[in-house]
């Protein structure tokens, strides 16, 4: 995590919300987690406001991303509360804690080495309203860190909690650049971490080479889940791969679908390979069959072989 974070005020171009029973998405500055929050009825918020909110670990500073429609809020299991709009003192304390957190990491690394523990440090975080420091780490095995906690408490003179997190959570906290050249989805996209499956890669016609469809964390790319709904809906409007149908005096088989370019590659029994625009395919509900139709609004087929 960066040693400093720009802590500016609200975006003046965004009107403040009316008071009432409202929901907001808040991005926690330290962990990059997105929380759904309900502010007090007398608190007006605008995008980019900094607030102190209650999280599963305690009180933390987060940035307001925007308001959420009530119907969309139902997909969230937990609704957090906003304690207050961050004061100048809160912002100053947050910046001071960033420096203390870096010092704490160095001390913790030294103690882990002394105790010969099989764990990798991710980050340290000091909460706003209570004397507690959270140490996040990853490990492939269960770690007995009781002696380590005793050492850290004697040094920091505050409550110390060690939290083991997964590799996806590690990437979300630390951030980085993905294979696409953009900020990692888990760190930059304002959403919860979604489950990702290999089936999503198949739907999107991607190579199943694990190196190509995995992120720096070693897990399947988050973007597979974000884009899966688009590919799934687009493929519903096209015949599936392997589908056979008569066309131009022979029988063709759908060999490949390219949802992004809206093209369908078909291969005929006579050896011809054609690339047709997806708009040429229509579904006949009477016969329950796909057919290729001529249309002035669609380009002609491209002959490959």
C-alpha atoms as a PDB file:
ATOM      1  CA  UNK A   1       0.000   0.000   0.000  1.00  0.00           C
ATOM      2  CA  UNK A   2       1.189   3.517  -0.739  1.00  0.00           C
ATOM      3  CA  UNK A   3       2.746   5.512   2.081  1.00  0.00           C
ATOM      4  CA  UNK A   4       0.257   8.316   1.536  1.00  0.00           C
ATOM      5  CA  UNK A   5      -3.254   8.622   0.194  1.00  0.00           C
ATOM      6  CA  UNK A   6      -4.784  11.785  -1.198  1.00  0.00           C
ATOM      7  CA  UNK A   7      -7.476  12.827   1.258  1.00  0.00           C
ATOM      8  CA  UNK A   8      -9.515  15.502  -0.468  1.00  0.00           C
ATOM      9  CA  UNK A   9     -13.042  16.672   0.168  1.00  0.00           C
ATOM     10  CA  UNK A  10     -16.255  16.018  -1.689  1.00  0.00           C
ATOM     11  CA  UNK A  11     -16.822  16.474  -5.404  1.00  0.00           C
ATOM     12  CA  UNK A  12     -18.543  19.852  -5.767  1.00  0.00           C
ATOM     13  CA  UNK A  13     -20.080  18.780  -9.083  1.00  0.00           C
ATOM     14  CA  UNK A  14     -22.239  16.183  -7.301  1.00  0.00           C
ATOM     15  CA  UNK A  15     -25.335  17.388  -5.503  1.00  0.00           C
ATOM     16  CA  UNK A  16     -25.668  16.321  -1.914  1.00  0.00           C
ATOM     17  CA  UNK A  17     -28.264  13.640  -1.369  1.00  0.00           C
ATOM     18  CA  UNK A  18     -31.576  14.260   0.286  1.00  0.00           C
ATOM     19  CA  UNK A  19     -31.895  12.925   3.800  1.00  0.00           C
ATOM     20  CA  UNK A  20     -33.904   9.784   4.469  1.00  0.00           C
ATOM     21  CA  UNK A  21     -33.527   6.028   4.367  1.00  0.00           C
ATOM     22  CA  UNK A  22     -30.690   5.887   1.853  1.00  0.00           C
ATOM     23  CA  UNK A  23     -27.867   3.488   1.015  1.00  0.00           C
ATOM     24  CA  UNK A  24     -24.334   4.343  -0.074  1.00  0.00           C
ATOM     25  CA  UNK A  25     -21.351   2.374  -1.304  1.00  0.00           C
ATOM     26  CA  UNK A  26     -18.264   3.195   0.740  1.00  0.00           C
ATOM     27  CA  UNK A  27     -14.769   2.063  -0.226  1.00  0.00           C
ATOM     28  CA  UNK A  28     -12.558   1.416   2.801  1.00  0.00           C
ATOM     29  CA  UNK A  29      -9.243   3.150   2.182  1.00  0.00           C
ATOM     30  CA  UNK A  30      -7.007   0.522   3.730  1.00  0.00           C
ATOM     31  CA  UNK A  31      -8.463  -2.733   2.397  1.00  0.00           C
ATOM     32  CA  UNK A  32     -10.191  -1.441  -0.793  1.00  0.00           C
ATOM     33  CA  UNK A  33     -13.263  -3.399   0.333  1.00  0.00           C
ATOM     34  CA  UNK A  34     -16.635  -1.976  -0.681  1.00  0.00           C
ATOM     35  CA  UNK A  35     -19.270  -1.736   2.040  1.00  0.00           C
ATOM     36  CA  UNK A  36     -22.970  -0.939   1.775  1.00  0.00           C
ATOM     37  CA  UNK A  37     -23.824   1.660   4.404  1.00  0.00           C
ATOM     38  CA  UNK A  38     -26.857   3.495   5.731  1.00  0.00           C
ATOM     39  CA  UNK A  39     -26.046   6.937   7.155  1.00  0.00           C
ATOM     40  CA  UNK A  40     -27.988   8.645   9.943  1.00  0.00           C
ATOM     41  CA  UNK A  41     -31.110  10.431   8.685  1.00  0.00           C
ATOM     42  CA  UNK A  42     -29.625  13.863   9.388  1.00  0.00           C
ATOM     43  CA  UNK A  43     -26.381  13.239   7.453  1.00  0.00           C
ATOM     44  CA  UNK A  44     -26.097  14.484   3.853  1.00  0.00           C
ATOM     45  CA  UNK A  45     -23.370  12.837   1.778  1.00  0.00           C
ATOM     46  CA  UNK A  46     -21.786  13.500  -1.601  1.00  0.00           C
ATOM     47  CA  UNK A  47     -19.495  11.433  -3.778  1.00  0.00           C
ATOM     48  CA  UNK A  48     -15.848  11.456  -2.583  1.00  0.00           C
ATOM     49  CA  UNK A  49     -16.782  12.491   0.969  1.00  0.00           C
ATOM     50  CA  UNK A  50     -14.609  10.805   3.587  1.00  0.00           C
ATOM     51  CA  UNK A  51     -16.481   9.126   6.418  1.00  0.00           C
ATOM     52  CA  UNK A  52     -15.759   7.003   9.464  1.00  0.00           C
ATOM     53  CA  UNK A  53     -17.712   3.755   9.211  1.00  0.00           C
ATOM     54  CA  UNK A  54     -18.117   0.597  11.226  1.00  0.00           C
ATOM     55  CA  UNK A  55     -16.484  -2.444   9.580  1.00  0.00           C
ATOM     56  CA  UNK A  56     -16.001  -6.023  10.749  1.00  0.00           C
ATOM     57  CA  UNK A  57     -12.676  -4.963  12.279  1.00  0.00           C
ATOM     58  CA  UNK A  58     -13.701  -1.653  13.864  1.00  0.00           C
ATOM     59  CA  UNK A  59     -13.949   2.002  12.852  1.00  0.00           C
ATOM     60  CA  UNK A  60     -12.178   2.879   9.597  1.00  0.00           C
ATOM     61  CA  UNK A  61     -12.072   5.704   7.067  1.00  0.00           C
ATOM     62  CA  UNK A  62     -13.772   5.179   3.730  1.00  0.00           C
ATOM     63  CA  UNK A  63     -14.639   7.190   0.637  1.00  0.00           C
ATOM     64  CA  UNK A  64     -18.201   7.629  -0.591  1.00  0.00           C
ATOM     65  CA  UNK A  65     -18.579   6.135  -4.073  1.00  0.00           C
ATOM     66  CA  UNK A  66     -22.214   6.996  -4.603  1.00  0.00           C
ATOM     67  CA  UNK A  67     -25.788   6.274  -3.696  1.00  0.00           C
ATOM     68  CA  UNK A  68     -27.392   2.864  -4.276  1.00  0.00           C
ATOM     69  CA  UNK A  69     -30.990   2.226  -5.246  1.00  0.00           C
ATOM     70  CA  UNK A  70     -32.930   0.462  -2.510  1.00  0.00           C
ATOM     71  CA  UNK A  71     -33.743  -2.528  -4.734  1.00  0.00           C
ATOM     72  CA  UNK A  72     -30.028  -3.004  -5.495  1.00  0.00           C
ATOM     73  CA  UNK A  73     -29.174  -2.914  -1.803  1.00  0.00           C
ATOM     74  CA  UNK A  74     -31.037  -6.195  -1.233  1.00  0.00           C
ATOM     75  CA  UNK A  75     -28.213  -8.207  -2.809  1.00  0.00           C
ATOM     76  CA  UNK A  76     -25.934  -7.264   0.104  1.00  0.00           C
ATOM     77  CA  UNK A  77     -25.910  -9.459   3.196  1.00  0.00           C
ATOM     78  CA  UNK A  78     -24.600  -6.806   5.584  1.00  0.00           C
ATOM     79  CA  UNK A  79     -25.406  -3.106   5.917  1.00  0.00           C
ATOM     80  CA  UNK A  80     -22.801  -1.090   7.797  1.00  0.00           C
ATOM     81  CA  UNK A  81     -23.378   2.107   9.744  1.00  0.00           C
ATOM     82  CA  UNK A  82     -21.640   5.437   9.162  1.00  0.00           C
ATOM     83  CA  UNK A  83     -20.439   7.001  12.393  1.00  0.00           C
ATOM     84  CA  UNK A  84     -19.617  10.482  11.144  1.00  0.00           C
ATOM     85  CA  UNK A  85     -18.122  12.521   8.348  1.00  0.00           C
ATOM     86  CA  UNK A  86     -14.342  12.357   8.764  1.00  0.00           C
ATOM     87  CA  UNK A  87     -12.949  15.396  10.559  1.00  0.00           C
ATOM     88  CA  UNK A  88      -9.631  17.082   9.917  1.00  0.00           C
ATOM     89  CA  UNK A  89      -8.336  15.300  13.010  1.00  0.00           C
ATOM     90  CA  UNK A  90      -9.452  11.922  11.573  1.00  0.00           C
ATOM     91  CA  UNK A  91      -7.598  12.613   8.314  1.00  0.00           C
ATOM     92  CA  UNK A  92      -4.453  13.705  10.130  1.00  0.00           C
ATOM     93  CA  UNK A  93      -4.591  10.605  12.344  1.00  0.00           C
ATOM     94  CA  UNK A  94      -5.005   8.386   9.275  1.00  0.00           C
ATOM     95  CA  UNK A  95      -1.850   9.827   7.690  1.00  0.00           C
ATOM     96  CA  UNK A  96       0.080   9.440  10.922  1.00  0.00           C
ATOM     97  CA  UNK A  97      -1.088   5.847  11.223  1.00  0.00           C
ATOM     98  CA  UNK A  98       0.258   5.091   7.734  1.00  0.00           C
ATOM     99  CA  UNK A  99       3.763   5.854   8.978  1.00  0.00           C
ATOM    100  CA  UNK A 100       3.253   3.837  12.154  1.00  0.00           C
ATOM    101  CA  UNK A 101       1.936   0.907  10.112  1.00  0.00           C
ATOM    102  CA  UNK A 102       5.118   0.753   8.032  1.00  0.00           C
ATOM    103  CA  UNK A 103       7.196   0.703  11.210  1.00  0.00           C
ATOM    104  CA  UNK A 104       4.960  -2.022  12.628  1.00  0.00           C
ATOM    105  CA  UNK A 105       5.488  -4.167   9.520  1.00  0.00           C
ATOM    106  CA  UNK A 106       9.262  -3.989   9.919  1.00  0.00           C
ATOM    107  CA  UNK A 107       9.035  -5.017  13.572  1.00  0.00           C
ATOM    108  CA  UNK A 108       6.609  -7.812  12.753  1.00  0.00           C
ATOM    109  CA  UNK A 109       8.858  -9.190   9.981  1.00  0.00           C
ATOM    110  CA  UNK A 110      11.762  -9.315  12.400  1.00  0.00           C
ATOM    111  CA  UNK A 111       9.720 -11.159  15.037  1.00  0.00           C
ATOM    112  CA  UNK A 112       8.323 -13.630  12.486  1.00  0.00           C
ATOM    113  CA  UNK A 113      11.864 -14.450  11.443  1.00  0.00           C
ATOM    114  CA  UNK A 114      12.897 -14.943  15.080  1.00  0.00           C
ATOM    115  CA  UNK A 115      10.004 -17.344  15.707  1.00  0.00           C
ATOM    116  CA  UNK A 116      10.576 -19.080  12.342  1.00  0.00           C
ATOM    117  CA  UNK A 117       6.900 -18.900  11.344  1.00  0.00           C
ATOM    118  CA  UNK A 118       5.705 -19.931   7.876  1.00  0.00           C
ATOM    119  CA  UNK A 119       3.652 -16.809   7.142  1.00  0.00           C
ATOM    120  CA  UNK A 120       3.869 -13.932   4.687  1.00  0.00           C
ATOM    121  CA  UNK A 121       2.991 -10.430   5.875  1.00  0.00           C
ATOM    122  CA  UNK A 122       0.534  -8.472   3.746  1.00  0.00           C
ATOM    123  CA  UNK A 123      -0.154  -5.262   5.663  1.00  0.00           C
ATOM    124  CA  UNK A 124      -0.643  -3.674   9.052  1.00  0.00           C
ATOM    125  CA  UNK A 125      -3.527  -1.388   9.913  1.00  0.00           C
ATOM    126  CA  UNK A 126      -4.232   0.795  12.939  1.00  0.00           C
ATOM    127  CA  UNK A 127      -7.881   1.624  13.550  1.00  0.00           C
ATOM    128  CA  UNK A 128      -9.191   5.146  14.061  1.00  0.00           C
ATOM    129  CA  UNK A 129     -11.171   5.110  17.309  1.00  0.00           C
ATOM    130  CA  UNK A 130      -9.465   2.409  19.355  1.00  0.00           C
ATOM    131  CA  UNK A 131      -5.911   1.357  20.221  1.00  0.00           C
ATOM    132  CA  UNK A 132      -5.809  -1.765  18.044  1.00  0.00           C
ATOM    133  CA  UNK A 133      -3.462  -2.850  15.267  1.00  0.00           C
ATOM    134  CA  UNK A 134      -4.438  -5.481  12.725  1.00  0.00           C
ATOM    135  CA  UNK A 135      -1.735  -7.607  11.097  1.00  0.00           C
ATOM    136  CA  UNK A 136      -2.841  -9.327   7.870  1.00  0.00           C
ATOM    137  CA  UNK A 137      -0.906 -12.319   6.551  1.00  0.00           C
ATOM    138  CA  UNK A 138      -1.160 -15.282   4.202  1.00  0.00           C
ATOM    139  CA  UNK A 139      -0.002 -18.828   4.820  1.00  0.00           C
ATOM    140  CA  UNK A 140      -0.402 -22.247   3.238  1.00  0.00           C
ATOM    141  CA  UNK A 141      -0.756 -23.874   6.641  1.00  0.00           C
ATOM    142  CA  UNK A 142      -2.128 -23.229  10.083  1.00  0.00           C
ATOM    143  CA  UNK A 143       0.152 -20.981  12.118  1.00  0.00           C
ATOM    144  CA  UNK A 144       0.541 -20.893  15.914  1.00  0.00           C
ATOM    145  CA  UNK A 145       1.296 -17.214  16.445  1.00  0.00           C
ATOM    146  CA  UNK A 146       0.522 -16.911  20.164  1.00  0.00           C
ATOM    147  CA  UNK A 147       4.112 -16.136  21.155  1.00  0.00           C
ATOM    148  CA  UNK A 148       4.373 -13.679  18.285  1.00  0.00           C
ATOM    149  CA  UNK A 149       1.302 -11.786  19.541  1.00  0.00           C
ATOM    150  CA  UNK A 150       2.784 -11.580  23.044  1.00  0.00           C
ATOM    151  CA  UNK A 151       5.974 -10.046  21.647  1.00  0.00           C
ATOM    152  CA  UNK A 152       4.052  -7.525  19.509  1.00  0.00           C
ATOM    153  CA  UNK A 153       1.779  -6.464  22.376  1.00  0.00           C
ATOM    154  CA  UNK A 154       4.794  -5.808  24.587  1.00  0.00           C
ATOM    155  CA  UNK A 155       6.303  -3.623  21.852  1.00  0.00           C
ATOM    156  CA  UNK A 156       3.254  -1.722  20.556  1.00  0.00           C
ATOM    157  CA  UNK A 157       1.453  -1.411  23.914  1.00  0.00           C
ATOM    158  CA  UNK A 158      -1.931  -1.895  22.273  1.00  0.00           C
ATOM    159  CA  UNK A 159      -4.256  -4.694  21.264  1.00  0.00           C
ATOM    160  CA  UNK A 160      -2.853  -6.799  18.404  1.00  0.00           C
ATOM    161  CA  UNK A 161      -4.920  -9.032  16.108  1.00  0.00           C
ATOM    162  CA  UNK A 162      -3.412 -11.296  13.448  1.00  0.00           C
ATOM    163  CA  UNK A 163      -5.758 -12.084  10.575  1.00  0.00           C
ATOM    164  CA  UNK A 164      -5.081 -14.752   7.976  1.00  0.00           C
ATOM    165  CA  UNK A 165      -6.523 -13.772   4.585  1.00  0.00           C
ATOM    166  CA  UNK A 166      -6.705 -15.395   1.157  1.00  0.00           C
ATOM    167  CA  UNK A 167      -4.566 -14.564  -1.847  1.00  0.00           C
ATOM    168  CA  UNK A 168      -7.412 -12.675  -3.557  1.00  0.00           C
ATOM    169  CA  UNK A 169      -7.811 -10.480  -0.473  1.00  0.00           C
ATOM    170  CA  UNK A 170      -4.040  -9.924  -0.514  1.00  0.00           C
ATOM    171  CA  UNK A 171      -4.205  -8.614  -4.085  1.00  0.00           C
ATOM    172  CA  UNK A 172      -7.126  -6.381  -3.195  1.00  0.00           C
ATOM    173  CA  UNK A 173      -5.207  -4.798  -0.317  1.00  0.00           C
ATOM    174  CA  UNK A 174      -1.867  -4.393  -2.106  1.00  0.00           C
ATOM    175  CA  UNK A 175      -3.198  -3.579  -5.601  1.00  0.00           C
ATOM    176  CA  UNK A 176      -1.164  -3.881  -8.777  1.00  0.00           C
ATOM    177  CA  UNK A 177      -1.438  -4.070 -12.563  1.00  0.00           C
ATOM    178  CA  UNK A 178      -3.131  -6.953 -14.357  1.00  0.00           C
ATOM    179  CA  UNK A 179      -2.221  -8.612 -17.665  1.00  0.00           C
ATOM    180  CA  UNK A 180      -4.593  -6.140 -19.379  1.00  0.00           C
ATOM    181  CA  UNK A 181      -2.452  -3.222 -18.228  1.00  0.00           C
ATOM    182  CA  UNK A 182      -5.146  -1.848 -15.930  1.00  0.00           C
ATOM    183  CA  UNK A 183      -5.444  -1.726 -12.142  1.00  0.00           C
ATOM    184  CA  UNK A 184      -6.443  -5.087 -10.658  1.00  0.00           C
ATOM    185  CA  UNK A 185     -10.226  -5.539 -10.629  1.00  0.00           C
ATOM    186  CA  UNK A 186     -10.267  -6.623  -6.982  1.00  0.00           C
ATOM    187  CA  UNK A 187      -8.543  -3.378  -5.999  1.00  0.00           C
ATOM    188  CA  UNK A 188     -10.035  -0.888  -8.451  1.00  0.00           C
ATOM    189  CA  UNK A 189     -13.524  -2.168  -9.295  1.00  0.00           C
ATOM    190  CA  UNK A 190     -16.184  -1.111  -6.829  1.00  0.00           C
ATOM    191  CA  UNK A 191     -17.757  -4.460  -6.048  1.00  0.00           C
ATOM    192  CA  UNK A 192     -17.591  -7.498  -3.842  1.00  0.00           C
ATOM    193  CA  UNK A 193     -15.266 -10.343  -4.760  1.00  0.00           C
ATOM    194  CA  UNK A 194     -17.322 -12.717  -6.890  1.00  0.00           C
ATOM    195  CA  UNK A 195     -16.769 -16.464  -7.285  1.00  0.00           C
ATOM    196  CA  UNK A 196     -15.065 -17.297 -10.598  1.00  0.00           C
ATOM    197  CA  UNK A 197     -15.292 -20.661 -12.374  1.00  0.00           C
ATOM    198  CA  UNK A 198     -13.551 -22.264 -15.344  1.00  0.00           C
ATOM    199  CA  UNK A 199     -16.948 -22.467 -17.064  1.00  0.00           C
ATOM    200  CA  UNK A 200     -16.875 -18.669 -17.405  1.00  0.00           C
ATOM    201  CA  UNK A 201     -13.652 -18.921 -19.421  1.00  0.00           C
ATOM    202  CA  UNK A 202     -15.268 -21.517 -21.683  1.00  0.00           C
ATOM    203  CA  UNK A 203     -18.320 -19.305 -22.281  1.00  0.00           C
ATOM    204  CA  UNK A 204     -15.987 -16.472 -23.309  1.00  0.00           C
ATOM    205  CA  UNK A 205     -14.012 -18.698 -25.710  1.00  0.00           C
ATOM    206  CA  UNK A 206     -10.766 -18.128 -23.847  1.00  0.00           C
ATOM    207  CA  UNK A 207      -7.747 -20.370 -23.754  1.00  0.00           C
ATOM    208  CA  UNK A 208      -7.922 -22.707 -20.774  1.00  0.00           C
ATOM    209  CA  UNK A 209      -4.208 -22.235 -20.175  1.00  0.00           C
ATOM    210  CA  UNK A 210      -4.118 -21.384 -16.454  1.00  0.00           C
ATOM    211  CA  UNK A 211      -1.288 -18.880 -16.970  1.00  0.00           C
ATOM    212  CA  UNK A 212      -3.376 -16.820 -19.397  1.00  0.00           C
ATOM    213  CA  UNK A 213      -6.598 -16.725 -17.375  1.00  0.00           C
ATOM    214  CA  UNK A 214      -5.131 -16.306 -13.889  1.00  0.00           C
ATOM    215  CA  UNK A 215      -4.235 -13.100 -12.092  1.00  0.00           C
ATOM    216  CA  UNK A 216      -1.135 -12.261 -10.018  1.00  0.00           C
ATOM    217  CA  UNK A 217      -2.834 -13.964  -7.055  1.00  0.00           C
ATOM    218  CA  UNK A 218      -2.815 -17.279  -8.928  1.00  0.00           C
ATOM    219  CA  UNK A 219      -6.608 -17.470  -9.021  1.00  0.00           C
ATOM    220  CA  UNK A 220      -8.896 -17.099 -12.041  1.00  0.00           C
ATOM    221  CA  UNK A 221      -9.225 -13.509 -13.281  1.00  0.00           C
ATOM    222  CA  UNK A 222     -11.972 -11.490 -11.571  1.00  0.00           C
ATOM    223  CA  UNK A 223     -12.945  -9.951 -14.925  1.00  0.00           C
ATOM    224  CA  UNK A 224     -14.237 -13.360 -16.045  1.00  0.00           C
ATOM    225  CA  UNK A 225     -17.081 -12.943 -13.549  1.00  0.00           C
ATOM    226  CA  UNK A 226     -17.729  -9.294 -14.430  1.00  0.00           C
ATOM    227  CA  UNK A 227     -18.022 -10.051 -18.160  1.00  0.00           C
ATOM    228  CA  UNK A 228     -19.724 -13.435 -17.886  1.00  0.00           C
ATOM    229  CA  UNK A 229     -23.283 -12.076 -17.909  1.00  0.00           C
ATOM    230  CA  UNK A 230     -22.651 -10.161 -21.158  1.00  0.00           C
ATOM    231  CA  UNK A 231     -21.248 -13.225 -22.948  1.00  0.00           C
ATOM    232  CA  UNK A 232     -23.993 -15.457 -21.615  1.00  0.00           C
ATOM    233  CA  UNK A 233     -26.762 -13.136 -22.831  1.00  0.00           C
ATOM    234  CA  UNK A 234     -25.131 -12.583 -26.228  1.00  0.00           C
ATOM    235  CA  UNK A 235     -24.696 -16.313 -26.846  1.00  0.00           C
ATOM    236  CA  UNK A 236     -28.391 -16.892 -26.203  1.00  0.00           C
ATOM    237  CA  UNK A 237     -29.108 -14.970 -29.417  1.00  0.00           C
ATOM    238  CA  UNK A 238     -26.881 -17.301 -31.473  1.00  0.00           C
ATOM    239  CA  UNK A 239     -26.789 -21.030 -32.273  1.00  0.00           C
ATOM    240  CA  UNK A 240     -24.456 -23.025 -30.060  1.00  0.00           C
ATOM    241  CA  UNK A 241     -21.139 -24.390 -31.280  1.00  0.00           C
ATOM    242  CA  UNK A 242     -21.610 -27.723 -33.067  1.00  0.00           C
ATOM    243  CA  UNK A 243     -25.105 -26.812 -34.267  1.00  0.00           C
ATOM    244  CA  UNK A 244     -25.793 -28.176 -37.793  1.00  0.00           C
ATOM    245  CA  UNK A 245     -28.119 -26.583 -40.335  1.00  0.00           C
ATOM    246  CA  UNK A 246     -28.667 -26.638 -44.141  1.00  0.00           C
ATOM    247  CA  UNK A 247     -27.327 -23.668 -46.107  1.00  0.00           C
ATOM    248  CA  UNK A 248     -26.328 -23.006 -49.727  1.00  0.00           C
ATOM    249  CA  UNK A 249     -26.765 -26.572 -50.921  1.00  0.00           C
ATOM    250  CA  UNK A 250     -24.953 -28.362 -48.109  1.00  0.00           C
ATOM    251  CA  UNK A 251     -24.942 -28.832 -44.347  1.00  0.00           C
ATOM    252  CA  UNK A 252     -22.891 -26.471 -42.218  1.00  0.00           C
ATOM    253  CA  UNK A 253     -21.742 -26.776 -38.653  1.00  0.00           C
ATOM    254  CA  UNK A 254     -21.126 -23.852 -36.269  1.00  0.00           C
ATOM    255  CA  UNK A 255     -17.389 -24.072 -35.607  1.00  0.00           C
ATOM    256  CA  UNK A 256     -16.756 -20.915 -33.575  1.00  0.00           C
ATOM    257  CA  UNK A 257     -18.632 -17.969 -32.050  1.00  0.00           C
ATOM    258  CA  UNK A 258     -17.015 -14.565 -31.624  1.00  0.00           C
ATOM    259  CA  UNK A 259     -19.338 -12.560 -29.425  1.00  0.00           C
ATOM    260  CA  UNK A 260     -17.170  -9.432 -29.397  1.00  0.00           C
ATOM    261  CA  UNK A 261     -16.894  -9.102 -33.199  1.00  0.00           C
ATOM    262  CA  UNK A 262     -20.422 -10.485 -33.755  1.00  0.00           C
ATOM    263  CA  UNK A 263     -19.160 -13.149 -36.151  1.00  0.00           C
ATOM    264  CA  UNK A 264     -19.953 -16.846 -36.525  1.00  0.00           C
ATOM    265  CA  UNK A 265     -17.554 -19.227 -38.253  1.00  0.00           C
ATOM    266  CA  UNK A 266     -19.289 -22.136 -39.948  1.00  0.00           C
ATOM    267  CA  UNK A 267     -17.813 -25.179 -41.709  1.00  0.00           C
ATOM    268  CA  UNK A 268     -19.616 -27.054 -44.501  1.00  0.00           C
ATOM    269  CA  UNK A 269     -19.561 -30.735 -45.360  1.00  0.00           C
ATOM    270  CA  UNK A 270     -18.111 -29.720 -48.744  1.00  0.00           C
ATOM    271  CA  UNK A 271     -15.039 -28.235 -47.059  1.00  0.00           C
ATOM    272  CA  UNK A 272     -16.045 -24.569 -47.254  1.00  0.00           C
ATOM    273  CA  UNK A 273     -15.457 -22.345 -44.220  1.00  0.00           C
ATOM    274  CA  UNK A 274     -17.467 -19.130 -43.991  1.00  0.00           C
ATOM    275  CA  UNK A 275     -17.567 -16.286 -41.485  1.00  0.00           C
ATOM    276  CA  UNK A 276     -21.054 -14.816 -41.160  1.00  0.00           C
ATOM    277  CA  UNK A 277     -22.176 -11.753 -39.210  1.00  0.00           C
ATOM    278  CA  UNK A 278     -24.363 -12.750 -36.281  1.00  0.00           C
ATOM    279  CA  UNK A 279     -27.249 -10.645 -37.607  1.00  0.00           C
ATOM    280  CA  UNK A 280     -27.687 -13.208 -40.420  1.00  0.00           C
ATOM    281  CA  UNK A 281     -28.912 -15.831 -37.946  1.00  0.00           C
ATOM    282  CA  UNK A 282     -32.585 -15.938 -36.990  1.00  0.00           C
ATOM    283  CA  UNK A 283     -34.493 -18.446 -34.914  1.00  0.00           C
ATOM    284  CA  UNK A 284     -37.672 -19.883 -36.414  1.00  0.00           C
ATOM    285  CA  UNK A 285     -39.983 -20.576 -33.470  1.00  0.00           C
ATOM    286  CA  UNK A 286     -42.342 -22.626 -35.673  1.00  0.00           C
ATOM    287  CA  UNK A 287     -39.703 -25.183 -36.641  1.00  0.00           C
ATOM    288  CA  UNK A 288     -37.533 -24.496 -33.577  1.00  0.00           C
ATOM    289  CA  UNK A 289     -34.519 -24.274 -35.867  1.00  0.00           C
ATOM    290  CA  UNK A 290     -31.863 -21.670 -36.627  1.00  0.00           C
ATOM    291  CA  UNK A 291     -31.507 -20.506 -40.202  1.00  0.00           C
ATOM    292  CA  UNK A 292     -29.370 -18.112 -42.193  1.00  0.00           C
ATOM    293  CA  UNK A 293     -31.327 -15.271 -43.747  1.00  0.00           C
ATOM    294  CA  UNK A 294     -30.411 -12.598 -46.269  1.00  0.00           C
ATOM    295  CA  UNK A 295     -30.527  -9.029 -45.002  1.00  0.00           C
ATOM    296  CA  UNK A 296     -29.623  -5.702 -46.582  1.00  0.00           C
ATOM    297  CA  UNK A 297     -28.452  -4.441 -43.197  1.00  0.00           C
ATOM    298  CA  UNK A 298     -25.971  -7.288 -42.775  1.00  0.00           C
ATOM    299  CA  UNK A 299     -22.658  -7.618 -44.596  1.00  0.00           C
ATOM    300  CA  UNK A 300     -22.020 -10.620 -46.841  1.00  0.00           C
ATOM    301  CA  UNK A 301     -20.258 -13.755 -45.678  1.00  0.00           C
ATOM    302  CA  UNK A 302     -16.487 -13.869 -45.754  1.00  0.00           C
ATOM    303  CA  UNK A 303     -15.143 -16.964 -47.443  1.00  0.00           C
ATOM    304  CA  UNK A 304     -12.152 -18.479 -45.682  1.00  0.00           C
ATOM    305  CA  UNK A 305     -11.654 -21.661 -47.732  1.00  0.00           C
END
